[in-house]
PDB file of all heavy atoms in Angstrom:
ATOM      1  N   ALA A   1      27.454  -1.700   0.331  1.00  0.00           N
ATOM      2  CA  ALA A   1      26.368  -2.628   0.704  1.00  0.00           C
ATOM      3  C   ALA A   1      25.134  -2.369  -0.150  1.00  0.00           C
ATOM      4  O   ALA A   1      24.828  -1.259  -0.480  1.00  0.00           O
ATOM      5  CB  ALA A   1      26.005  -2.463   2.171  1.00  0.00           C
ATOM      6  N   VAL A   2      24.460  -3.477  -0.524  1.00  0.00           N
ATOM      7  CA  VAL A   2      23.149  -3.429  -1.154  1.00  0.00           C
ATOM      8  C   VAL A   2      22.124  -3.821  -0.125  1.00  0.00           C
ATOM      9  O   VAL A   2      22.248  -4.911   0.476  1.00  0.00           O
ATOM     10  CB  VAL A   2      23.068  -4.328  -2.420  1.00  0.00           C
ATOM     11  CG1 VAL A   2      21.668  -4.301  -3.001  1.00  0.00           C
ATOM     12  CG2 VAL A   2      24.130  -3.915  -3.430  1.00  0.00           C
ATOM     13  N   LEU A   3      21.155  -2.993   0.149  1.00  0.00           N
ATOM     14  CA  LEU A   3      20.198  -3.266   1.202  1.00  0.00           C
ATOM     15  C   LEU A   3      19.103  -4.198   0.692  1.00  0.00           C
ATOM     16  O   LEU A   3      18.631  -4.024  -0.440  1.00  0.00           O
ATOM     17  CB  LEU A   3      19.601  -1.977   1.718  1.00  0.00           C
ATOM     18  CG  LEU A   3      20.607  -0.940   2.203  1.00  0.00           C
ATOM     19  CD1 LEU A   3      19.942   0.296   2.703  1.00  0.00           C
ATOM     20  CD2 LEU A   3      21.553  -1.540   3.276  1.00  0.00           C
ATOM     21  N   PRO A   4      18.668  -5.158   1.471  1.00  0.00           N
ATOM     22  CA  PRO A   4      17.634  -6.118   1.008  1.00  0.00           C
ATOM     23  C   PRO A   4      16.245  -5.544   1.038  1.00  0.00           C
ATOM     24  O   PRO A   4      15.974  -4.579   1.803  1.00  0.00           O
ATOM     25  CB  PRO A   4      17.759  -7.256   2.014  1.00  0.00           C
ATOM     26  CG  PRO A   4      18.216  -6.556   3.269  1.00  0.00           C
ATOM     27  CD  PRO A   4      19.115  -5.463   2.820  1.00  0.00           C
ATOM     28  N   PRO A   5      15.333  -6.047   0.201  1.00  0.00           N
ATOM     29  CA  PRO A   5      13.943  -5.599   0.261  1.00  0.00           C
ATOM     30  C   PRO A   5      13.352  -5.864   1.640  1.00  0.00           C
ATOM     31  O   PRO A   5      13.804  -6.759   2.373  1.00  0.00           O
ATOM     32  CB  PRO A   5      13.223  -6.498  -0.787  1.00  0.00           C
ATOM     33  CG  PRO A   5      14.336  -6.945  -1.700  1.00  0.00           C
ATOM     34  CD  PRO A   5      15.577  -7.062  -0.840  1.00  0.00           C
ATOM     35  N   ILE A   6      12.362  -5.070   2.010  1.00  0.00           N
ATOM     36  CA  ILE A   6      11.681  -5.203   3.310  1.00  0.00           C
ATOM     37  C   ILE A   6      10.299  -5.715   3.090  1.00  0.00           C
ATOM     38  O   ILE A   6       9.486  -5.076   2.427  1.00  0.00           O
ATOM     39  CB  ILE A   6      11.636  -3.832   4.040  1.00  0.00           C
ATOM     40  CG1 ILE A   6      13.053  -3.348   4.315  1.00  0.00           C
ATOM     41  CG2 ILE A   6      10.854  -3.976   5.347  1.00  0.00           C
ATOM     42  CD1 ILE A   6      13.135  -1.957   4.920  1.00  0.00           C
ATOM     43  N   ASN A   7      10.026  -6.910   3.611  1.00  0.00           N
ATOM     44  CA  ASN A   7       8.692  -7.504   3.501  1.00  0.00           C
ATOM     45  C   ASN A   7       7.736  -6.879   4.486  1.00  0.00           C
ATOM     46  O   ASN A   7       7.968  -6.916   5.700  1.00  0.00           O
ATOM     47  CB  ASN A   7       8.775  -9.023   3.701  1.00  0.00           C
ATOM     48  CG  ASN A   7       9.406  -9.714   2.545  1.00  0.00           C
ATOM     49  OD1 ASN A   7       9.176  -9.372   1.403  1.00  0.00           O
ATOM     50  ND2 ASN A   7      10.204 -10.734   2.834  1.00  0.00           N
ATOM     51  N   GLN A   8       6.666  -6.300   3.961  1.00  0.00           N
ATOM     52  CA  GLN A   8       5.637  -5.653   4.790  1.00  0.00           C
ATOM     53  C   GLN A   8       4.290  -6.310   4.511  1.00  0.00           C
ATOM     54  O   GLN A   8       4.037  -6.751   3.391  1.00  0.00           O
ATOM     55  CB  GLN A   8       5.568  -4.145   4.511  1.00  0.00           C
ATOM     56  CG  GLN A   8       6.922  -3.490   4.776  1.00  0.00           C
ATOM     57  CD  GLN A   8       6.778  -1.947   4.710  1.00  0.00           C
ATOM     58  OE1 GLN A   8       6.101  -1.355   5.539  1.00  0.00           O
ATOM     59  NE2 GLN A   8       7.443  -1.357   3.752  1.00  0.00           N
ATOM     60  N   THR A   9       3.473  -6.380   5.533  1.00  0.00           N
ATOM     61  CA  THR A   9       2.144  -7.009   5.345  1.00  0.00           C
ATOM     62  C   THR A   9       1.109  -5.934   5.061  1.00  0.00           C
ATOM     63  O   THR A   9       1.013  -4.935   5.761  1.00  0.00           O
ATOM     64  CB  THR A   9       1.749  -7.740   6.665  1.00  0.00           C
ATOM     65  OG1 THR A   9       2.715  -8.741   6.946  1.00  0.00           O
ATOM     66  CG2 THR A   9       0.388  -8.399   6.495  1.00  0.00           C
ATOM     67  N   LEU A  10       0.355  -6.154   4.005  1.00  0.00           N
ATOM     68  CA  LEU A  10      -0.726  -5.220   3.606  1.00  0.00           C
ATOM     69  C   LEU A  10      -1.918  -5.471   4.537  1.00  0.00           C
ATOM     70  O   LEU A  10      -2.422  -6.604   4.619  1.00  0.00           O
ATOM     71  CB  LEU A  10      -1.118  -5.468   2.182  1.00  0.00           C
ATOM     72  CG  LEU A  10       0.018  -5.295   1.147  1.00  0.00           C
ATOM     73  CD1 LEU A  10      -0.453  -5.539  -0.258  1.00  0.00           C
ATOM     74  CD2 LEU A  10       0.678  -3.909   1.242  1.00  0.00           C
ATOM     75  N   ASP A  11      -2.394  -4.430   5.169  1.00  0.00           N
ATOM     76  CA  ASP A  11      -3.538  -4.590   6.094  1.00  0.00           C
ATOM     77  C   ASP A  11      -4.778  -3.930   5.523  1.00  0.00           C
ATOM     78  O   ASP A  11      -4.736  -3.149   4.569  1.00  0.00           O
ATOM     79  CB  ASP A  11      -3.227  -4.089   7.504  1.00  0.00           C
ATOM     80  CG  ASP A  11      -2.912  -2.579   7.530  1.00  0.00           C
ATOM     81  OD1 ASP A  11      -3.405  -1.835   6.692  1.00  0.00           O
ATOM     82  OD2 ASP A  11      -2.162  -2.195   8.431  1.00  0.00           O
ATOM     83  N   LYS A  12      -5.934  -4.239   6.095  1.00  0.00           N
ATOM     84  CA  LYS A  12      -7.215  -3.797   5.556  1.00  0.00           C
ATOM     85  C   LYS A  12      -7.404  -2.271   5.567  1.00  0.00           C
ATOM     86  O   LYS A  12      -7.777  -1.711   4.521  1.00  0.00           O
ATOM     87  CB  LYS A  12      -8.365  -4.447   6.309  1.00  0.00           C
ATOM     88  CG  LYS A  12      -9.753  -4.122   5.720  1.00  0.00           C
ATOM     89  CD  LYS A  12     -10.845  -4.912   6.403  1.00  0.00           C
ATOM     90  CE  LYS A  12     -12.216  -4.619   5.828  1.00  0.00           C
ATOM     91  NZ  LYS A  12     -13.259  -5.427   6.484  1.00  0.00           N
ATOM     92  N   PRO A  13      -7.077  -1.567   6.659  1.00  0.00           N
ATOM     93  CA  PRO A  13      -7.315  -0.120   6.655  1.00  0.00           C
ATOM     94  C   PRO A  13      -6.557   0.600   5.549  1.00  0.00           C
ATOM     95  O   PRO A  13      -7.118   1.478   4.842  1.00  0.00           O
ATOM     96  CB  PRO A  13      -6.818   0.300   8.062  1.00  0.00           C
ATOM     97  CG  PRO A  13      -6.980  -0.888   8.866  1.00  0.00           C
ATOM     98  CD  PRO A  13      -6.666  -2.046   7.991  1.00  0.00           C
ATOM     99  N   THR A  14      -5.285   0.231   5.333  1.00  0.00           N
ATOM    100  CA  THR A  14      -4.495   0.929   4.299  1.00  0.00           C
ATOM    101  C   THR A  14      -4.881   0.504   2.898  1.00  0.00           C
ATOM    102  O   THR A  14      -4.856   1.317   1.967  1.00  0.00           O
ATOM    103  CB  THR A  14      -2.994   0.752   4.557  1.00  0.00           C
ATOM    104  OG1 THR A  14      -2.680  -0.620   4.758  1.00  0.00           O
ATOM    105  CG2 THR A  14      -2.552   1.519   5.778  1.00  0.00           C
ATOM    106  N   VAL A  15      -5.258  -0.779   2.748  1.00  0.00           N
ATOM    107  CA  VAL A  15      -5.715  -1.226   1.396  1.00  0.00           C
ATOM    108  C   VAL A  15      -6.997  -0.516   1.004  1.00  0.00           C
ATOM    109  O   VAL A  15      -7.126  -0.027  -0.125  1.00  0.00           O
ATOM    110  CB  VAL A  15      -5.921  -2.752   1.385  1.00  0.00           C
ATOM    111  CG1 VAL A  15      -6.660  -3.205   0.174  1.00  0.00           C
ATOM    112  CG2 VAL A  15      -4.547  -3.459   1.474  1.00  0.00           C
ATOM    113  N   ARG A  16      -7.928  -0.431   1.928  1.00  0.00           N
ATOM    114  CA  ARG A  16      -9.195   0.234   1.650  1.00  0.00           C
ATOM    115  C   ARG A  16      -8.978   1.757   1.403  1.00  0.00           C
ATOM    116  O   ARG A  16      -9.589   2.341   0.541  1.00  0.00           O
ATOM    117  CB  ARG A  16     -10.156   0.054   2.797  1.00  0.00           C
ATOM    118  CG  ARG A  16     -10.690  -1.388   2.906  1.00  0.00           C
ATOM    119  CD  ARG A  16     -11.685  -1.647   1.738  1.00  0.00           C
ATOM    120  NE  ARG A  16     -12.267  -2.994   1.821  1.00  0.00           N
ATOM    121  CZ  ARG A  16     -13.405  -3.294   2.492  1.00  0.00           C
ATOM    122  NH1 ARG A  16     -14.048  -2.365   3.161  1.00  0.00           N
ATOM    123  NH2 ARG A  16     -13.871  -4.552   2.445  1.00  0.00           N
ATOM    124  N   LYS A  17      -8.105   2.360   2.183  1.00  0.00           N
ATOM    125  CA  LYS A  17      -7.793   3.782   2.003  1.00  0.00           C
ATOM    126  C   LYS A  17      -7.224   4.039   0.618  1.00  0.00           C
ATOM    127  O   LYS A  17      -7.598   5.006  -0.056  1.00  0.00           O
ATOM    128  CB  LYS A  17      -6.800   4.252   3.096  1.00  0.00           C
ATOM    129  CG  LYS A  17      -6.449   5.726   2.980  1.00  0.00           C
ATOM    130  CD  LYS A  17      -5.457   6.118   4.057  1.00  0.00           C
ATOM    131  CE  LYS A  17      -5.063   7.581   3.940  1.00  0.00           C
ATOM    132  NZ  LYS A  17      -4.119   7.974   4.999  1.00  0.00           N
ATOM    133  N   GLN A  18      -6.320   3.152   0.206  1.00  0.00           N
ATOM    134  CA  GLN A  18      -5.734   3.316  -1.139  1.00  0.00           C
ATOM    135  C   GLN A  18      -6.763   3.201  -2.232  1.00  0.00           C
ATOM    136  O   GLN A  18      -6.779   3.945  -3.232  1.00  0.00           O
ATOM    137  CB  GLN A  18      -4.645   2.259  -1.336  1.00  0.00           C
ATOM    138  CG  GLN A  18      -3.788   2.472  -2.609  1.00  0.00           C
ATOM    139  CD  GLN A  18      -3.046   3.773  -2.579  1.00  0.00           C
ATOM    140  OE1 GLN A  18      -2.481   4.138  -1.573  1.00  0.00           O
ATOM    141  NE2 GLN A  18      -3.035   4.479  -3.695  1.00  0.00           N
ATOM    142  N   MET A  19      -7.736   2.255  -2.041  1.00  0.00           N
ATOM    143  CA  MET A  19      -8.765   2.116  -3.058  1.00  0.00           C
ATOM    144  C   MET A  19      -9.654   3.363  -3.107  1.00  0.00           C
ATOM    145  O   MET A  19     -10.076   3.772  -4.195  1.00  0.00           O
ATOM    146  CB  MET A  19      -9.648   0.877  -2.729  1.00  0.00           C
ATOM    147  CG  MET A  19      -9.112  -0.410  -3.301  1.00  0.00           C
ATOM    148  SD  MET A  19      -8.664  -0.367  -5.070  1.00  0.00           S
ATOM    149  CE  MET A  19     -10.158   0.281  -5.813  1.00  0.00           C
ATOM    150  N   ARG A  20      -9.944   3.959  -1.991  1.00  0.00           N
ATOM    151  CA  ARG A  20     -10.735   5.191  -2.008  1.00  0.00           C
ATOM    152  C   ARG A  20      -9.996   6.319  -2.750  1.00  0.00           C
ATOM    153  O   ARG A  20     -10.615   7.057  -3.492  1.00  0.00           O
ATOM    154  CB  ARG A  20     -11.070   5.603  -0.580  1.00  0.00           C
ATOM    155  CG  ARG A  20     -12.104   4.674   0.097  1.00  0.00           C
ATOM    156  CD  ARG A  20     -12.628   5.321   1.392  1.00  0.00           C
ATOM    157  NE  ARG A  20     -11.602   5.400   2.416  1.00  0.00           N
ATOM    158  CZ  ARG A  20     -11.367   4.456   3.311  1.00  0.00           C
ATOM    159  NH1 ARG A  20     -12.049   3.319   3.314  1.00  0.00           N
ATOM    160  NH2 ARG A  20     -10.421   4.622   4.225  1.00  0.00           N
ATOM    161  N   GLN A  21      -8.670   6.381  -2.545  1.00  0.00           N
ATOM    162  CA  GLN A  21      -7.881   7.387  -3.269  1.00  0.00           C
ATOM    163  C   GLN A  21      -7.888   7.119  -4.765  1.00  0.00           C
ATOM    164  O   GLN A  21      -7.995   8.066  -5.583  1.00  0.00           O
ATOM    165  CB  GLN A  21      -6.461   7.416  -2.697  1.00  0.00           C
ATOM    166  CG  GLN A  21      -6.379   7.925  -1.262  1.00  0.00           C
ATOM    167  CD  GLN A  21      -5.000   7.799  -0.678  1.00  0.00           C
ATOM    168  OE1 GLN A  21      -4.121   7.147  -1.253  1.00  0.00           O
ATOM    169  NE2 GLN A  21      -4.781   8.425   0.467  1.00  0.00           N
ATOM    170  N   ILE A  22      -7.755   5.871  -5.140  1.00  0.00           N
ATOM    171  CA  ILE A  22      -7.781   5.511  -6.575  1.00  0.00           C
ATOM    172  C   ILE A  22      -9.121   5.848  -7.195  1.00  0.00           C
ATOM    173  O   ILE A  22      -9.202   6.415  -8.311  1.00  0.00           O
ATOM    174  CB  ILE A  22      -7.432   4.021  -6.753  1.00  0.00           C
ATOM    175  CG1 ILE A  22      -5.956   3.752  -6.412  1.00  0.00           C
ATOM    176  CG2 ILE A  22      -7.747   3.539  -8.172  1.00  0.00           C
ATOM    177  CD1 ILE A  22      -5.583   2.274  -6.378  1.00  0.00           C
ATOM    178  N   ASN A  23     -10.219   5.574  -6.469  1.00  0.00           N
ATOM    179  CA  ASN A  23     -11.535   5.878  -6.983  1.00  0.00           C
ATOM    180  C   ASN A  23     -11.745   7.354  -7.163  1.00  0.00           C
ATOM    181  O   ASN A  23     -12.429   7.768  -8.128  1.00  0.00           O
ATOM    182  CB  ASN A  23     -12.605   5.280  -6.064  1.00  0.00           C
ATOM    183  CG  ASN A  23     -12.815   3.777  -6.337  1.00  0.00           C
ATOM    184  OD1 ASN A  23     -12.548   3.317  -7.423  1.00  0.00           O
ATOM    185  ND2 ASN A  23     -13.296   3.074  -5.326  1.00  0.00           N
ATOM    186  N   ARG A  24     -11.194   8.178  -6.273  1.00  0.00           N
ATOM    187  CA  ARG A  24     -11.323   9.595  -6.444  1.00  0.00           C
ATOM    188  C   ARG A  24     -10.610  10.050  -7.734  1.00  0.00           C
ATOM    189  O   ARG A  24     -11.095  10.921  -8.450  1.00  0.00           O
ATOM    190  CB  ARG A  24     -10.780  10.340  -5.230  1.00  0.00           C
ATOM    191  CG  ARG A  24     -11.675  10.308  -4.025  1.00  0.00           C
ATOM    192  CD  ARG A  24     -11.269  11.323  -2.989  1.00  0.00           C
ATOM    193  NE  ARG A  24     -10.021  10.984  -2.322  1.00  0.00           N
ATOM    194  CZ  ARG A  24      -9.927  10.257  -1.194  1.00  0.00           C
ATOM    195  NH1 ARG A  24     -11.046   9.771  -0.659  1.00  0.00           N
ATOM    196  NH2 ARG A  24      -8.760  10.007  -0.676  1.00  0.00           N
ATOM    197  N   LYS A  25      -9.468   9.444  -8.022  1.00  0.00           N
ATOM    198  CA  LYS A  25      -8.752   9.765  -9.245  1.00  0.00           C
ATOM    199  C   LYS A  25      -9.542   9.324 -10.489  1.00  0.00           C
ATOM    200  O   LYS A  25      -9.602  10.034 -11.497  1.00  0.00           O
ATOM    201  CB  LYS A  25      -7.341   9.112  -9.228  1.00  0.00           C
ATOM    202  CG  LYS A  25      -6.428   9.694  -8.144  1.00  0.00           C
ATOM    203  CD  LYS A  25      -5.097   8.973  -8.132  1.00  0.00           C
ATOM    204  CE  LYS A  25      -4.195   9.513  -7.061  1.00  0.00           C
ATOM    205  NZ  LYS A  25      -2.908   8.781  -7.001  1.00  0.00           N
ATOM    206  N   LEU A  26     -10.133   8.147 -10.390  1.00  0.00           N
ATOM    207  CA  LEU A  26     -10.947   7.659 -11.503  1.00  0.00           C
ATOM    208  C   LEU A  26     -12.126   8.593 -11.771  1.00  0.00           C
ATOM    209  O   LEU A  26     -12.453   8.899 -12.928  1.00  0.00           O
ATOM    210  CB  LEU A  26     -11.449   6.220 -11.225  1.00  0.00           C
ATOM    211  CG  LEU A  26     -10.396   5.101 -11.262  1.00  0.00           C
ATOM    212  CD1 LEU A  26     -10.968   3.806 -10.761  1.00  0.00           C
ATOM    213  CD2 LEU A  26      -9.853   4.947 -12.668  1.00  0.00           C
TER     214      LEU A  26
END
């Protein structure tokens, strides 16, 4: 079997958290 992609919804808390992590790397 080949498993299908899983559609997930991007929400504000995790999007903002990811941007803070990226900014720390920058």
